[in-house]
């Protein structure tokens, strides 16, 4: 899961892109980068490991001139966490340059790469995204959008792309529509972003989403669109509503906050805790679901866990050691709220269980009489191959432990999950057209032949 942001037609495109990346920092914290194209068509790149706030000095931003820019915040799902895998990618080619920022995961990346290497391609990273750049460079299409369309023919899996080919800005989305990608306007300039909160921070107005299988091209002649790939049955990632997206965003045509409140209300109906004293959230991604649970159950909502906002999201840390360490410094309980009480603790999901078990220990140590864990999604039982870091089934605690066993392992008095049907039915846009493979084990596409090569960064 990554964040992508781009601007066409604004004199301060790179500065706006940096702002946009701040709003998408929750989608990736390993690295960040910006490519800018100046008025003469020269492209410049700055990339850094770590957060947006840590990586772009004033001199860096002054070097990123021009009316076109694309940016990226990375959370690795294919390729190691290293500077050579930071995006955007910038490649010099015979006819100019190609810059590319990718959110998603290509399920046939191993095959694509081997085919390219067999015909002489040289790769400089272990990212799946680099294969698309090579395919664009080899395309003989007459226009930039035709070159990108040619490159995407035969590419499988999840992708939202922002691409600059010379002085043409392109946005593309896979035919299943796995990940969100929004278009907006800021005066005469165009803005593209993974989430609408990226439009808000720069003052742009939402125009529409990029459609599944569509390529939008923008240049001096204006905006044009082509249906590059015939749309497939919709498989939008329901986990965007559950966890990844910011609550102030709209994704897939619906408010994330409204979706999470609806999930919380349905959870209260399915898994009540009538004798509890209060409800609290594991902040921040569970706040809306906990409010929904409190509204439906009639239990008071309290701030019982305080989050240190200078610590990143634990789930998207690239290593287990990093996740363990972050839990210890990320949260602190409010003893005056918890002590002696029977509490309902709302979380959006349980993936590996490490974070949850540590949090339960904190709540117990603060004097909670009973802890009733409620989860506003179904149990995660299967790996995701479309952009979420759950590559191995044995890492998923709900795949090996039933609810009662898991409750004992976590140290809670009771544990309740939202049902799969309840989760899908609670999403505001309706139950159809969502990918739920990680919850159901039912994959909408063929699986990667060698998924471990992707995750280990061993594509070379």
Foldseek 3Di string as FASTA:
>chain_A
DKKKKKKAADFLGVVLQLLLVVQGCQRAFQKKKKWAAAPVLDIDIFMDTGHSVPGADPVNSVVRGHRIMMMMHDQAPFFDSDRLPYDQDWDQAPVGIKTKDKAKFWQALLVLVVVCVVVPDDDRGLASVVSLVVQLRPDPDPDSVRSSLRSCVVTDFWIWMWMQDRAKTKTATALQRAFWKWWWDDPPMIMIIRWCVSCVSSVTDTDGTQHHQKMWIQHPVGIDIDNSDHHDQHAYALVCLLARPDQPTDGPNHRSLQLLLLLLLLLCVVPNDLPFQAEEEPDDSNHSSRVSVCVNNVHHYDHFKDFDVVQHDLQSDLDPVSSLVSLVVTIATDLVVAAPGAYEYEDAAAFQLNSLLSVVVRSVVSHHPAYEYEHSAAQQQDDDRIRGNRQDRVSGVCNPDPQVRSCVVSVHPGYYYRDHVSSLCSGVVHNGNHNDCRRPVDDPDDGRPCSVCRRVSVSD
